[in-house]
Amino acid sequence: MAKRWTISEELLKRKELDKFYIKENRSIGEIAKILNLGQSTIYGRLLRLSIKPMRSRKMRFNNKRGDISIPEGYSEQLSEFIGVLLGDGHLTPTQVTVTLGNKEVVYVSYLTKLIKKLFNIEPKTIRVRNGYHVVYVGSTYVVRWLLSMGLVFNKVKSQVDLPPWIFSNKDYVKGFLRGFFDTDGSIYKLRFGVQLAFINRSLPMLESLRSCLSLLDYSPSNISQFRIYLTRREDIIRFFKTVNPANAKHQKRFQMFLS
């Protein structure tokens, strides 16, 4: 049976919990470390003092990290990141990952800065056995937020589409096209010119890509073998001028083909 507190002991413990748990919004684990006590002891004190546990308010509730912030509104940078994820991105219940080629070191740096600006966190980068780079953020909080926006775990099986808000602003459309082309697009030489290709295995996504390009007055091809093409020289030049892909790999090939 727990020892009965004196009035002064009860006042002291209530004052401690009022400071740490209520006013400073610390977790039970954090308070336990400060007071050098077990978490069960802190939890027991909350119950004895009739202080209702408020786990959902704590910053690390369900891995909601205090160092991560969620964008407050829509922006061109957010739509660009959505384009990246719908290109070479992947969601698991606990992580957001983007896989990039072994020659995309410059773009890896660009993407980490974009993520840092959006979520106030430095993503981690690893190089896997085949030389590819994986940029990732471990946060169920960010994953749940992206899922609420319409993203999915399996893009092909779910036949994912882009969030409708992207169509509300031409700058959002440009941002989305930039992120998508940087990760899942290509530019290559034809016998009589140059061509851009947008590749995806989701038909709703391809239809939306065509709509995005048409909204900006480009002349995209029909969907063919999970691809959409831009072939007109004036379209390609304007795409690199106004959408302005951030992946140095694409910029280098553009300069080489159209010089």
Protein backbone atom coordinates (compact mmCIF):
# COMPACT_ATOMS: atom_id res chain seq x y z
CA MET A 1 0.00 0.00 0.00
CA ALA A 2 1.35 3.46 -0.92
CA LYS A 3 2.55 5.67 1.92
CA ARG A 4 0.12 8.40 2.89
CA TRP A 5 1.41 11.87 1.98
CA THR A 6 1.50 14.73 4.41
CA ILE A 7 -0.20 17.96 3.32
CA SER A 8 3.16 19.57 2.51
CA GLU A 9 4.30 16.50 0.52
CA GLU A 10 1.09 16.51 -1.50
CA LEU A 11 1.42 20.23 -2.22
CA LEU A 12 5.03 19.75 -3.36
CA LYS A 13 4.17 16.85 -5.70
CA ARG A 14 1.18 18.70 -7.12
CA LYS A 15 3.35 21.76 -7.72
CA GLU A 16 5.96 19.64 -9.55
CA LEU A 17 3.41 18.00 -11.82
CA ASP A 18 1.57 21.25 -12.41
CA LYS A 19 4.85 22.77 -13.60
CA PHE A 20 6.23 19.91 -15.70
CA TYR A 21 3.12 18.09 -16.91
CA ILE A 22 0.60 20.91 -17.31
CA LYS A 23 2.48 24.17 -17.89
CA GLU A 24 5.58 22.82 -19.70
CA ASN A 25 3.62 20.00 -21.38
CA ARG A 26 6.36 17.43 -20.72
CA SER A 27 5.80 13.71 -21.12
CA ILE A 28 5.75 11.24 -18.23
CA GLY A 29 9.11 9.87 -19.42
CA GLU A 30 10.69 13.33 -19.45
CA ILE A 31 9.40 14.13 -15.95
CA ALA A 32 10.68 10.78 -14.68
CA LYS A 33 14.19 11.67 -15.87
CA ILE A 34 14.05 15.15 -14.33
CA LEU A 35 12.93 13.83 -10.94
CA ASN A 36 15.05 10.66 -11.15
CA LEU A 37 11.99 8.45 -10.65
CA GLY A 38 10.34 5.61 -12.54
CA GLN A 39 7.64 6.37 -15.10
CA SER A 40 5.19 4.20 -13.17
CA THR A 41 5.80 6.38 -10.10
CA ILE A 42 4.99 9.55 -12.04
CA TYR A 43 1.89 7.95 -13.55
CA GLY A 44 0.79 6.85 -10.08
CA ARG A 45 1.17 10.38 -8.75
CA LEU A 46 -1.02 11.72 -11.56
CA LEU A 47 -3.75 9.31 -10.55
CA ARG A 48 -3.42 10.00 -6.83
CA LEU A 49 -3.63 13.74 -7.44
CA SER A 50 -6.58 13.31 -9.85
CA ILE A 51 -4.60 14.86 -12.71
CA LYS A 52 -5.97 13.32 -15.88
CA PRO A 53 -3.25 11.89 -18.19
CA MET A 54 -3.18 13.84 -21.47
CA ARG A 55 -1.05 11.65 -23.73
CA SER A 56 -2.49 13.06 -26.96
CA ARG A 57 -1.19 16.55 -26.07
CA LYS A 58 2.39 15.42 -25.66
CA MET A 59 4.82 16.16 -28.48
CA ARG A 60 5.93 12.54 -28.83
CA PHE A 61 2.46 11.03 -28.78
CA ASN A 62 2.56 8.31 -31.47
CA ASN A 63 6.05 9.47 -32.51
CA LYS A 64 5.02 13.09 -33.03
CA ARG A 65 8.50 14.54 -32.72
CA GLY A 66 8.95 17.98 -31.29
CA ASP A 67 11.60 18.89 -33.88
CA ILE A 68 9.21 18.40 -36.83
CA SER A 69 6.78 21.01 -38.08
CA ILE A 70 4.04 20.52 -40.65
CA PRO A 71 3.49 23.13 -43.39
CA GLU A 72 0.63 25.43 -42.41
CA GLY A 73 -0.66 25.92 -45.94
CA TYR A 74 -0.14 25.02 -49.56
CA SER A 75 2.92 26.27 -51.43
CA GLU A 76 4.94 25.70 -54.57
CA GLN A 77 7.60 23.95 -52.48
CA LEU A 78 5.05 21.59 -50.95
CA SER A 79 3.61 20.74 -54.36
CA GLU A 80 7.17 20.11 -55.58
CA PHE A 81 7.72 17.65 -52.73
CA ILE A 82 4.42 15.92 -53.56
CA GLY A 83 5.71 15.58 -57.13
CA VAL A 84 8.92 14.01 -55.83
CA LEU A 85 6.99 11.50 -53.72
CA LEU A 86 4.65 10.57 -56.56
CA GLY A 87 7.71 10.11 -58.74
CA ASP A 88 10.40 8.14 -56.92
CA GLY A 89 9.04 8.40 -53.37
CA HIS A 90 7.66 5.71 -51.11
CA LEU A 91 5.70 5.67 -47.85
CA THR A 92 5.79 3.05 -45.13
CA PRO A 93 3.89 3.35 -41.82
CA THR A 94 6.99 4.89 -40.23
CA GLN A 95 9.08 6.43 -43.02
CA VAL A 96 9.08 8.70 -46.05
CA THR A 97 11.78 7.65 -48.53
CA VAL A 98 13.00 8.86 -51.91
CA THR A 99 15.39 6.73 -53.97
CA LEU A 100 17.73 8.53 -56.37
CA GLY A 101 20.32 7.36 -58.89
CA ASN A 102 24.04 6.99 -58.27
CA LYS A 103 24.81 10.10 -60.36
CA GLU A 104 22.33 12.41 -58.63
CA VAL A 105 24.52 13.65 -55.76
CA VAL A 106 23.72 17.30 -56.46
CA TYR A 107 19.99 16.61 -56.45
CA VAL A 108 20.31 14.69 -53.17
CA SER A 109 21.61 17.90 -51.59
CA TYR A 110 18.80 19.93 -53.16
CA LEU A 111 16.14 17.52 -51.90
CA THR A 112 17.46 17.44 -48.34
CA LYS A 113 17.29 21.26 -48.24
CA LEU A 114 13.72 21.18 -49.57
CA ILE A 115 12.64 18.70 -46.88
CA LYS A 116 14.42 20.71 -44.19
CA LYS A 117 12.57 23.86 -45.26
CA LEU A 118 9.18 22.13 -45.31
CA PHE A 119 9.38 20.05 -42.12
CA ASN A 120 12.17 21.67 -40.08
CA ILE A 121 14.12 18.42 -39.95
CA GLU A 122 17.37 17.24 -41.50
CA PRO A 123 16.58 14.04 -43.44
CA LYS A 124 19.02 11.17 -43.39
CA THR A 125 20.81 9.95 -46.51
CA ILE A 126 22.32 6.53 -47.12
CA ARG A 127 24.00 4.98 -50.13
CA VAL A 128 22.87 1.42 -50.79
CA ARG A 129 24.82 -1.41 -52.37
CA ASN A 130 23.95 -0.57 -55.98
CA GLY A 131 25.22 2.98 -55.47
CA TYR A 132 21.76 4.53 -55.31
CA HIS A 133 21.02 7.22 -52.74
CA VAL A 134 18.09 6.93 -50.34
CA VAL A 135 16.86 10.11 -48.65
CA TYR A 136 14.47 9.41 -45.78
CA VAL A 137 12.60 10.85 -42.82
CA GLY A 138 11.46 8.58 -40.01
CA SER A 139 8.19 9.96 -38.64
CA THR A 140 4.76 8.39 -38.37
CA TYR A 141 3.44 11.93 -37.84
CA VAL A 142 4.62 13.09 -41.28
CA VAL A 143 3.46 9.82 -42.89
CA ARG A 144 -0.06 10.19 -41.44
CA TRP A 145 -0.19 13.79 -42.62
CA LEU A 146 0.79 12.81 -46.16
CA LEU A 147 -1.77 9.99 -46.14
CA SER A 148 -4.45 12.48 -45.12
CA MET A 149 -3.55 14.46 -48.24
CA GLY A 150 -4.29 11.49 -50.48
CA LEU A 151 -0.91 9.81 -50.80
CA VAL A 152 -0.81 6.02 -50.38
CA PHE A 153 1.54 3.19 -49.45
CA ASN A 154 1.32 1.41 -52.81
CA LYS A 155 1.05 3.94 -55.63
CA VAL A 156 0.49 1.44 -58.45
CA LYS A 157 -1.92 -0.89 -56.67
CA SER A 158 -3.96 2.06 -55.38
CA GLN A 159 -3.71 3.93 -58.71
CA VAL A 160 -2.79 7.10 -56.87
CA ASP A 161 -3.63 10.57 -58.13
CA LEU A 162 -2.26 13.96 -57.17
CA PRO A 163 -4.06 16.09 -54.54
CA PRO A 164 -6.74 18.32 -56.17
CA TRP A 165 -5.43 21.50 -54.49
CA ILE A 166 -2.43 21.48 -56.83
CA PHE A 167 -4.72 22.54 -59.70
CA SER A 168 -5.82 25.66 -57.79
CA ASN A 169 -2.68 27.64 -58.59
CA LYS A 170 -0.36 27.57 -61.62
CA ASP A 171 2.68 27.94 -59.36
CA TYR A 172 1.59 24.76 -57.55
CA VAL A 173 1.31 23.03 -60.93
CA LYS A 174 4.83 24.17 -61.86
CA GLY A 175 6.16 22.95 -58.53
CA PHE A 176 4.49 19.57 -58.92
CA LEU A 177 5.81 19.13 -62.48
CA ARG A 178 9.31 20.10 -61.33
CA GLY A 179 9.38 17.53 -58.53
CA PHE A 180 7.84 14.80 -60.65
CA PHE A 181 10.08 15.36 -63.68
CA ASP A 182 13.20 15.58 -61.49
CA THR A 183 12.55 12.08 -60.15
CA ASP A 184 10.47 10.22 -62.73
CA GLY A 185 11.06 12.10 -65.98
CA SER A 186 13.66 11.90 -68.73
CA ILE A 187 15.01 13.89 -71.66
CA TYR A 188 16.61 12.21 -74.63
CA LYS A 189 17.64 12.77 -78.21
CA LEU A 190 15.48 11.68 -81.12
CA ARG A 191 16.58 11.35 -84.72
CA PHE A 192 14.96 14.67 -85.58
CA GLY A 193 14.83 16.45 -82.24
CA VAL A 194 14.52 16.08 -78.47
CA GLN A 195 11.76 14.60 -76.32
CA LEU A 196 10.67 14.79 -72.68
CA ALA A 197 8.99 11.76 -71.14
CA PHE A 198 6.88 11.56 -67.97
CA ILE A 199 6.60 7.98 -66.76
CA ASN A 200 4.18 6.49 -64.23
CA ARG A 201 2.26 3.25 -63.72
CA SER A 202 -0.86 4.96 -62.35
CA LEU A 203 -3.34 5.93 -65.07
CA PRO A 204 -5.14 8.58 -62.95
CA MET A 205 -1.74 10.14 -62.30
CA LEU A 206 -0.92 10.20 -66.01
CA GLU A 207 -4.27 11.82 -66.79
CA SER A 208 -3.58 14.49 -64.17
CA LEU A 209 -0.08 15.01 -65.57
CA ARG A 210 -1.61 15.70 -68.98
CA SER A 211 -4.02 18.16 -67.36
CA CYS A 212 -1.13 19.92 -65.58
CA LEU A 213 0.80 20.30 -68.82
CA SER A 214 -2.26 21.48 -70.72
CA LEU A 215 -3.07 24.00 -67.98
CA LEU A 216 0.32 25.59 -68.63
CA ASP A 217 -0.34 25.63 -72.39
CA TYR A 218 1.96 22.77 -73.35
CA SER A 219 0.98 20.18 -75.96
CA PRO A 220 1.38 16.77 -74.28
CA SER A 221 0.96 13.53 -76.18
CA ASN A 222 -1.72 11.00 -75.41
CA ILE A 223 -0.85 8.33 -72.85
CA SER A 224 1.22 5.56 -74.43
CA GLN A 225 2.72 2.63 -72.50
CA PHE A 226 2.45 4.52 -69.20
CA ARG A 227 4.21 7.56 -70.68
CA ILE A 228 3.40 11.11 -71.74
CA TYR A 229 5.68 13.04 -74.07
CA LEU A 230 6.54 16.63 -74.90
CA THR A 231 8.13 16.79 -78.34
CA ARG A 232 7.72 20.34 -79.63
CA ARG A 233 10.99 22.21 -79.38
CA GLU A 234 9.31 25.39 -78.12
CA ASP A 235 7.53 23.39 -75.39
CA ILE A 236 10.77 21.82 -74.20
CA ILE A 237 12.65 25.12 -74.11
CA ARG A 238 9.81 26.81 -72.20
CA PHE A 239 9.51 23.86 -69.80
CA PHE A 240 13.16 24.21 -68.80
CA LYS A 241 12.78 27.97 -68.51
CA THR A 242 9.54 28.23 -66.50
CA VAL A 243 9.20 24.91 -64.68
CA ASN A 244 13.00 24.89 -64.36
CA PRO A 245 13.85 21.32 -63.25
CA ALA A 246 16.18 21.25 -60.24
CA ASN A 247 17.90 17.97 -61.09
CA ALA A 248 21.31 18.84 -62.57
CA LYS A 249 21.24 15.60 -64.57
CA HIS A 250 18.29 16.86 -66.62
CA GLN A 251 19.71 20.37 -66.99
CA LYS A 252 23.00 18.99 -68.30
CA ARG A 253 21.27 16.84 -70.91
CA PHE A 254 19.04 19.74 -71.94
CA GLN A 255 22.05 21.98 -72.54
CA MET A 256 23.83 19.22 -74.44
CA PHE A 257 20.89 18.38 -76.71
CA LEU A 258 19.74 21.92 -77.47
CA SER A 259 23.04 23.76 -77.68
